[in-house]
Amino acid sequence: MKINVMITPWAKTNKLDIQQDLMGNEVYKIRLHAKPIDGEANEALIAFLAKHFAVTKQDVQIVSWNHSRHKVIEIK
């Protein structure tokens, strides 16, 4: 399954909101406490989504836009 994610690093707490874009696609808006330095935010994102979907971290992979706030994530 692939999902569209928009992350906001440096947030006070970790939080997930699911919204729809103009075309009706689900967008997961995730606020992360992690800082976007040395891949910390990406690692926190993978851990957060693994816990949310009850899978292992190895089952969550960033497919595209690795250095951007907008990402596509694949969950096996």
PDB file of N, CA and C in Angstrom:
ATOM      1  N   MET A   1       0.853  -1.163   0.000  1.00  0.00           N
ATOM      2  CA  MET A   1       0.000   0.000   0.000  1.00  0.00           C
ATOM      3  C   MET A   1       0.904   1.232   0.000  1.00  0.00           C
ATOM      4  N   LYS A   2       0.566   2.202  -0.822  1.00  0.00           N
ATOM      5  CA  LYS A   2       1.317   3.460  -0.862  1.00  0.00           C
ATOM      6  C   LYS A   2       0.439   4.579  -0.320  1.00  0.00           C
ATOM      7  N   ILE A   3       1.059   5.454   0.475  1.00  0.00           N
ATOM      8  CA  ILE A   3       0.332   6.587   1.035  1.00  0.00           C
ATOM      9  C   ILE A   3       1.125   7.864   0.795  1.00  0.00           C
ATOM     10  N   ASN A   4       0.401   8.971   0.686  1.00  0.00           N
ATOM     11  CA  ASN A   4       1.020  10.282   0.573  1.00  0.00           C
ATOM     12  C   ASN A   4       1.122  10.891   1.959  1.00  0.00           C
ATOM     13  N   VAL A   5       2.298  11.432   2.268  1.00  0.00           N
ATOM     14  CA  VAL A   5       2.558  11.957   3.603  1.00  0.00           C
ATOM     15  C   VAL A   5       3.144  13.356   3.487  1.00  0.00           C
ATOM     16  N   MET A   6       2.695  14.235   4.356  1.00  0.00           N
ATOM     17  CA  MET A   6       3.308  15.550   4.503  1.00  0.00           C
ATOM     18  C   MET A   6       3.740  15.669   5.960  1.00  0.00           C
ATOM     19  N   ILE A   7       5.041  15.855   6.194  1.00  0.00           N
ATOM     20  CA  ILE A   7       5.510  15.901   7.568  1.00  0.00           C
ATOM     21  C   ILE A   7       5.876  17.324   7.976  1.00  0.00           C
ATOM     22  N   THR A   8       5.746  17.570   9.265  1.00  0.00           N
ATOM     23  CA  THR A   8       6.162  18.831   9.866  1.00  0.00           C
ATOM     24  C   THR A   8       7.097  18.481  11.015  1.00  0.00           C
ATOM     25  N   PRO A   9       8.401  18.701  10.830  1.00  0.00           N
ATOM     26  CA  PRO A   9       9.342  18.418  11.917  1.00  0.00           C
ATOM     27  C   PRO A   9       9.318  19.535  12.959  1.00  0.00           C
ATOM     28  N   TRP A  10      10.035  19.333  14.057  1.00  0.00           N
ATOM     29  CA  TRP A  10      10.158  20.296  15.155  1.00  0.00           C
ATOM     30  C   TRP A  10       8.832  20.563  15.862  1.00  0.00           C
ATOM     31  N   ALA A  11       7.862  19.660  15.774  1.00  0.00           N
ATOM     32  CA  ALA A  11       6.578  19.853  16.452  1.00  0.00           C
ATOM     33  C   ALA A  11       6.734  19.541  17.942  1.00  0.00           C
ATOM     34  N   LYS A  12       5.797  20.026  18.729  1.00  0.00           N
ATOM     35  CA  LYS A  12       5.849  19.770  20.170  1.00  0.00           C
ATOM     36  C   LYS A  12       5.582  18.303  20.489  1.00  0.00           C
ATOM     37  N   THR A  13       4.649  17.698  19.768  1.00  0.00           N
ATOM     38  CA  THR A  13       4.313  16.285  19.977  1.00  0.00           C
ATOM     39  C   THR A  13       4.131  15.601  18.633  1.00  0.00           C
ATOM     40  N   ASN A  14       4.155  14.276  18.644  1.00  0.00           N
ATOM     41  CA  ASN A  14       3.858  13.508  17.437  1.00  0.00           C
ATOM     42  C   ASN A  14       2.349  13.421  17.282  1.00  0.00           C
ATOM     43  N   LYS A  15       1.869  13.706  16.074  1.00  0.00           N
ATOM     44  CA  LYS A  15       0.427  13.724  15.831  1.00  0.00           C
ATOM     45  C   LYS A  15       0.146  13.353  14.377  1.00  0.00           C
ATOM     46  N   LEU A  16      -0.982  12.691  14.155  1.00  0.00           N
ATOM     47  CA  LEU A  16      -1.391  12.274  12.815  1.00  0.00           C
ATOM     48  C   LEU A  16      -2.775  12.807  12.516  1.00  0.00           C
ATOM     49  N   ASP A  17      -2.925  13.453  11.360  1.00  0.00           N
ATOM     50  CA  ASP A  17      -4.223  13.883  10.841  1.00  0.00           C
ATOM     51  C   ASP A  17      -4.341  13.334   9.428  1.00  0.00           C
ATOM     52  N   ILE A  18      -5.490  12.769   9.112  1.00  0.00           N
ATOM     53  CA  ILE A  18      -5.734  12.273   7.765  1.00  0.00           C
ATOM     54  C   ILE A  18      -6.723  13.213   7.092  1.00  0.00           C
ATOM     55  N   GLN A  19      -6.299  13.788   5.952  1.00  0.00           N
ATOM     56  CA  GLN A  19      -7.138  14.722   5.211  1.00  0.00           C
ATOM     57  C   GLN A  19      -7.217  14.274   3.768  1.00  0.00           C
ATOM     58  N   GLN A  20      -8.066  14.945   3.003  1.00  0.00           N
ATOM     59  CA  GLN A  20      -8.181  14.645   1.578  1.00  0.00           C
ATOM     60  C   GLN A  20      -7.731  15.849   0.778  1.00  0.00           C
ATOM     61  N   ASP A  21      -7.040  15.572  -0.333  1.00  0.00           N
ATOM     62  CA  ASP A  21      -6.664  16.662  -1.225  1.00  0.00           C
ATOM     63  C   ASP A  21      -7.823  16.970  -2.166  1.00  0.00           C
ATOM     64  N   LEU A  22      -7.610  17.852  -3.108  1.00  0.00           N
ATOM     65  CA  LEU A  22      -8.687  18.276  -4.011  1.00  0.00           C
ATOM     66  C   LEU A  22      -9.193  17.152  -4.912  1.00  0.00           C
ATOM     67  N   MET A  23      -8.362  16.150  -5.147  1.00  0.00           N
ATOM     68  CA  MET A  23      -8.770  15.045  -6.010  1.00  0.00           C
ATOM     69  C   MET A  23      -9.339  13.879  -5.216  1.00  0.00           C
ATOM     70  N   GLY A  24      -9.485  14.033  -3.904  1.00  0.00           N
ATOM     71  CA  GLY A  24     -10.085  12.997  -3.081  1.00  0.00           C
ATOM     72  C   GLY A  24      -9.114  11.972  -2.541  1.00  0.00           C
ATOM     73  N   ASN A  25      -7.815  12.160  -2.765  1.00  0.00           N
ATOM     74  CA  ASN A  25      -6.808  11.234  -2.250  1.00  0.00           C
ATOM     75  C   ASN A  25      -6.525  11.539  -0.782  1.00  0.00           C
ATOM     76  N   GLU A  26      -6.279  10.496  -0.003  1.00  0.00           N
ATOM     77  CA  GLU A  26      -5.931  10.686   1.395  1.00  0.00           C
ATOM     78  C   GLU A  26      -4.495  11.191   1.518  1.00  0.00           C
ATOM     79  N   VAL A  27      -4.295  12.165   2.387  1.00  0.00           N
ATOM     80  CA  VAL A  27      -2.973  12.695   2.694  1.00  0.00           C
ATOM     81  C   VAL A  27      -2.804  12.594   4.200  1.00  0.00           C
ATOM     82  N   TYR A  28      -1.753  11.916   4.618  1.00  0.00           N
ATOM     83  CA  TYR A  28      -1.450  11.788   6.031  1.00  0.00           C
ATOM     84  C   TYR A  28      -0.568  12.969   6.434  1.00  0.00           C
ATOM     85  N   LYS A  29      -1.099  13.862   7.245  1.00  0.00           N
ATOM     86  CA  LYS A  29      -0.326  14.998   7.748  1.00  0.00           C
ATOM     87  C   LYS A  29       0.196  14.611   9.118  1.00  0.00           C
ATOM     88  N   ILE A  30       1.517  14.514   9.211  1.00  0.00           N
ATOM     89  CA  ILE A  30       2.146  14.015  10.425  1.00  0.00           C
ATOM     90  C   ILE A  30       3.067  15.079  11.002  1.00  0.00           C
ATOM     91  N   ARG A  31       2.870  15.367  12.276  1.00  0.00           N
ATOM     92  CA  ARG A  31       3.761  16.268  13.006  1.00  0.00           C
ATOM     93  C   ARG A  31       4.699  15.401  13.823  1.00  0.00           C
ATOM     94  N   LEU A  32       6.003  15.678  13.701  1.00  0.00           N
ATOM     95  CA  LEU A  32       7.009  14.893  14.403  1.00  0.00           C
ATOM     96  C   LEU A  32       7.843  15.787  15.299  1.00  0.00           C
ATOM     97  N   HIS A  33       8.177  15.276  16.460  1.00  0.00           N
ATOM     98  CA  HIS A  33       9.020  16.008  17.391  1.00  0.00           C
ATOM     99  C   HIS A  33      10.475  16.036  16.917  1.00  0.00           C
ATOM    100  N   ALA A  34      10.859  15.130  16.054  1.00  0.00           N
ATOM    101  CA  ALA A  34      12.243  14.997  15.588  1.00  0.00           C
ATOM    102  C   ALA A  34      12.657  16.189  14.740  1.00  0.00           C
ATOM    103  N   LYS A  35      13.949  16.447  14.738  1.00  0.00           N
ATOM    104  CA  LYS A  35      14.496  17.523  13.916  1.00  0.00           C
ATOM    105  C   LYS A  35      14.922  16.972  12.550  1.00  0.00           C
ATOM    106  N   PRO A  36      14.848  17.790  11.518  1.00  0.00           N
ATOM    107  CA  PRO A  36      15.159  17.314  10.164  1.00  0.00           C
ATOM    108  C   PRO A  36      16.654  17.369   9.847  1.00  0.00           C
ATOM    109  N   ILE A  37      17.466  16.880  10.750  1.00  0.00           N
ATOM    110  CA  ILE A  37      18.922  16.913  10.566  1.00  0.00           C
ATOM    111  C   ILE A  37      19.439  15.478  10.602  1.00  0.00           C
ATOM    112  N   ASP A  38      20.311  15.148   9.661  1.00  0.00           N
ATOM    113  CA  ASP A  38      20.930  13.820   9.575  1.00  0.00           C
ATOM    114  C   ASP A  38      19.909  12.694   9.488  1.00  0.00           C
ATOM    115  N   GLY A  39      18.764  12.942   8.883  1.00  0.00           N
ATOM    116  CA  GLY A  39      17.764  11.903   8.671  1.00  0.00           C
ATOM    117  C   GLY A  39      16.949  11.533   9.896  1.00  0.00           C
ATOM    118  N   GLU A  40      17.049  12.308  10.972  1.00  0.00           N
ATOM    119  CA  GLU A  40      16.289  11.991  12.188  1.00  0.00           C
ATOM    120  C   GLU A  40      14.784  12.001  11.944  1.00  0.00           C
ATOM    121  N   ALA A  41      14.298  12.975  11.183  1.00  0.00           N
ATOM    122  CA  ALA A  41      12.858  13.068  10.920  1.00  0.00           C
ATOM    123  C   ALA A  41      12.384  11.875  10.085  1.00  0.00           C
ATOM    124  N   ASN A  42      13.188  11.440   9.124  1.00  0.00           N
ATOM    125  CA  ASN A  42      12.807  10.275   8.319  1.00  0.00           C
ATOM    126  C   ASN A  42      12.756   9.009   9.170  1.00  0.00           C
ATOM    127  N   GLU A  43      13.720   8.833  10.053  1.00  0.00           N
ATOM    128  CA  GLU A  43      13.723   7.672  10.936  1.00  0.00           C
ATOM    129  C   GLU A  43      12.525   7.705  11.890  1.00  0.00           C
ATOM    130  N   ALA A  44      12.219   8.896  12.404  1.00  0.00           N
ATOM    131  CA  ALA A  44      11.058   9.033  13.299  1.00  0.00           C
ATOM    132  C   ALA A  44       9.760   8.770  12.538  1.00  0.00           C
ATOM    133  N   LEU A  45       9.705   9.206  11.286  1.00  0.00           N
ATOM    134  CA  LEU A  45       8.523   8.971  10.463  1.00  0.00           C
ATOM    135  C   LEU A  45       8.305   7.476  10.244  1.00  0.00           C
ATOM    136  N   ILE A  46       9.361   6.760   9.932  1.00  0.00           N
ATOM    137  CA  ILE A  46       9.255   5.317   9.711  1.00  0.00           C
ATOM    138  C   ILE A  46       8.796   4.619  10.989  1.00  0.00           C
ATOM    139  N   ALA A  47       9.370   4.993  12.115  1.00  0.00           N
ATOM    140  CA  ALA A  47       8.974   4.382  13.392  1.00  0.00           C
ATOM    141  C   ALA A  47       7.524   4.708  13.732  1.00  0.00           C
ATOM    142  N   PHE A  48       7.113   5.956  13.492  1.00  0.00           N
ATOM    143  CA  PHE A  48       5.746   6.384  13.779  1.00  0.00           C
ATOM    144  C   PHE A  48       4.734   5.614  12.940  1.00  0.00           C
ATOM    145  N   LEU A  49       5.001   5.502  11.639  1.00  0.00           N
ATOM    146  CA  LEU A  49       4.074   4.787  10.755  1.00  0.00           C
ATOM    147  C   LEU A  49       4.064   3.284  11.026  1.00  0.00           C
ATOM    148  N   ALA A  50       5.212   2.716  11.378  1.00  0.00           N
ATOM    149  CA  ALA A  50       5.261   1.294  11.715  1.00  0.00           C
ATOM    150  C   ALA A  50       4.386   1.014  12.930  1.00  0.00           C
ATOM    151  N   LYS A  51       4.446   1.882  13.913  1.00  0.00           N
ATOM    152  CA  LYS A  51       3.610   1.695  15.100  1.00  0.00           C
ATOM    153  C   LYS A  51       2.135   1.903  14.770  1.00  0.00           C
ATOM    154  N   HIS A  52       1.833   2.921  13.947  1.00  0.00           N
ATOM    155  CA  HIS A  52       0.439   3.220  13.592  1.00  0.00           C
ATOM    156  C   HIS A  52      -0.211   2.059  12.830  1.00  0.00           C
ATOM    157  N   PHE A  53       0.521   1.470  11.878  1.00  0.00           N
ATOM    158  CA  PHE A  53      -0.027   0.393  11.055  1.00  0.00           C
ATOM    159  C   PHE A  53       0.272  -1.003  11.620  1.00  0.00           C
ATOM    160  N   ALA A  54       0.921  -1.065  12.779  1.00  0.00           N
ATOM    161  CA  ALA A  54       1.249  -2.330  13.457  1.00  0.00           C
ATOM    162  C   ALA A  54       2.064  -3.262  12.567  1.00  0.00           C
ATOM    163  N   VAL A  55       3.127  -2.716  11.981  1.00  0.00           N
ATOM    164  CA  VAL A  55       4.066  -3.495  11.182  1.00  0.00           C
ATOM    165  C   VAL A  55       5.470  -3.192  11.700  1.00  0.00           C
ATOM    166  N   THR A  56       6.455  -3.904  11.183  1.00  0.00           N
ATOM    167  CA  THR A  56       7.831  -3.634  11.582  1.00  0.00           C
ATOM    168  C   THR A  56       8.384  -2.448  10.797  1.00  0.00           C
ATOM    169  N   LYS A  57       9.471  -1.888  11.274  1.00  0.00           N
ATOM    170  CA  LYS A  57      10.089  -0.749  10.585  1.00  0.00           C
ATOM    171  C   LYS A  57      10.589  -1.143   9.201  1.00  0.00           C
ATOM    172  N   GLN A  58      10.977  -2.412   9.030  1.00  0.00           N
ATOM    173  CA  GLN A  58      11.454  -2.874   7.733  1.00  0.00           C
ATOM    174  C   GLN A  58      10.347  -2.918   6.688  1.00  0.00           C
ATOM    175  N   ASP A  59       9.090  -2.929   7.131  1.00  0.00           N
ATOM    176  CA  ASP A  59       7.949  -2.955   6.215  1.00  0.00           C
ATOM    177  C   ASP A  59       7.535  -1.559   5.753  1.00  0.00           C
ATOM    178  N   VAL A  60       8.176  -0.527   6.275  1.00  0.00           N
ATOM    179  CA  VAL A  60       7.858   0.853   5.905  1.00  0.00           C
ATOM    180  C   VAL A  60       9.057   1.422   5.159  1.00  0.00           C
ATOM    181  N   GLN A  61       8.806   1.943   3.951  1.00  0.00           N
ATOM    182  CA  GLN A  61       9.902   2.443   3.125  1.00  0.00           C
ATOM    183  C   GLN A  61       9.506   3.758   2.468  1.00  0.00           C
ATOM    184  N   ILE A  62      10.433   4.722   2.472  1.00  0.00           N
ATOM    185  CA  ILE A  62      10.210   5.982   1.764  1.00  0.00           C
ATOM    186  C   ILE A  62      10.512   5.727   0.296  1.00  0.00           C
ATOM    187  N   VAL A  63       9.492   5.906  -0.548  1.00  0.00           N
ATOM    188  CA  VAL A  63       9.641   5.602  -1.968  1.00  0.00           C
ATOM    189  C   VAL A  63      10.205   6.797  -2.726  1.00  0.00           C
ATOM    190  N   SER A  64       9.693   7.982  -2.441  1.00  0.00           N
ATOM    191  CA  SER A  64      10.178   9.155  -3.168  1.00  0.00           C
ATOM    192  C   SER A  64      10.173  10.389  -2.285  1.00  0.00           C
ATOM    193  N   TRP A  65      10.915  11.376  -2.713  1.00  0.00           N
ATOM    194  CA  TRP A  65      11.063  12.654  -2.013  1.00  0.00           C
ATOM    195  C   TRP A  65      11.677  12.480  -0.642  1.00  0.00           C
ATOM    196  N   ASN A  66      12.823  11.883  -0.607  1.00  0.00           N
ATOM    197  CA  ASN A  66      13.491  11.589   0.659  1.00  0.00           C
ATOM    198  C   ASN A  66      13.924  12.851   1.404  1.00  0.00           C
ATOM    199  N   HIS A  67      14.183  13.947   0.695  1.00  0.00           N
ATOM    200  CA  HIS A  67      14.648  15.183   1.338  1.00  0.00           C
ATOM    201  C   HIS A  67      13.612  16.288   1.222  1.00  0.00           C
ATOM    202  N   SER A  68      12.370  15.953   1.341  1.00  0.00           N
ATOM    203  CA  SER A  68      11.296  16.920   1.224  1.00  0.00           C
ATOM    204  C   SER A  68      10.255  16.637   2.294  1.00  0.00           C
ATOM    205  N   ARG A  69       9.388  17.594   2.553  1.00  0.00           N
ATOM    206  CA  ARG A  69       8.306  17.393   3.510  1.00  0.00           C
ATOM    207  C   ARG A  69       7.188  16.540   2.933  1.00  0.00           C
ATOM    208  N   HIS A  70       7.061  16.505   1.607  1.00  0.00           N
ATOM    209  CA  HIS A  70       6.034  15.700   0.930  1.00  0.00           C
ATOM    210  C   HIS A  70       6.682  14.394   0.486  1.00  0.00           C
ATOM    211  N   LYS A  71       6.141  13.276   0.940  1.00  0.00           N
ATOM    212  CA  LYS A  71       6.744  11.992   0.653  1.00  0.00           C
ATOM    213  C   LYS A  71       5.688  10.963   0.223  1.00  0.00           C
ATOM    214  N   VAL A  72       6.141   9.943  -0.456  1.00  0.00           N
ATOM    215  CA  VAL A  72       5.321   8.784  -0.755  1.00  0.00           C
ATOM    216  C   VAL A  72       5.941   7.621   0.003  1.00  0.00           C
ATOM    217  N   ILE A  73       5.117   6.954   0.803  1.00  0.00           N
ATOM    218  CA  ILE A  73       5.570   5.870   1.659  1.00  0.00           C
ATOM    219  C   ILE A  73       4.914   4.575   1.217  1.00  0.00           C
ATOM    220  N   GLU A  74       5.702   3.508   1.157  1.00  0.00           N
ATOM    221  CA  GLU A  74       5.153   2.190   0.852  1.00  0.00           C
ATOM    222  C   GLU A  74       5.164   1.357   2.125  1.00  0.00           C
ATOM    223  N   ILE A  75       4.010   0.748   2.410  1.00  0.00           N
ATOM    224  CA  ILE A  75       3.868  -0.105   3.583  1.00  0.00           C
ATOM    225  C   ILE A  75       3.506  -1.500   3.093  1.00  0.00           C
ATOM    226  N   LYS A  76       4.331  -2.471   3.453  1.00  0.00           N
ATOM    227  CA  LYS A  76       4.109  -3.850   2.987  1.00  0.00           C
ATOM    228  C   LYS A  76       3.195  -4.596   3.913  1.00  0.00           C
TER     229      LYS A  76
END
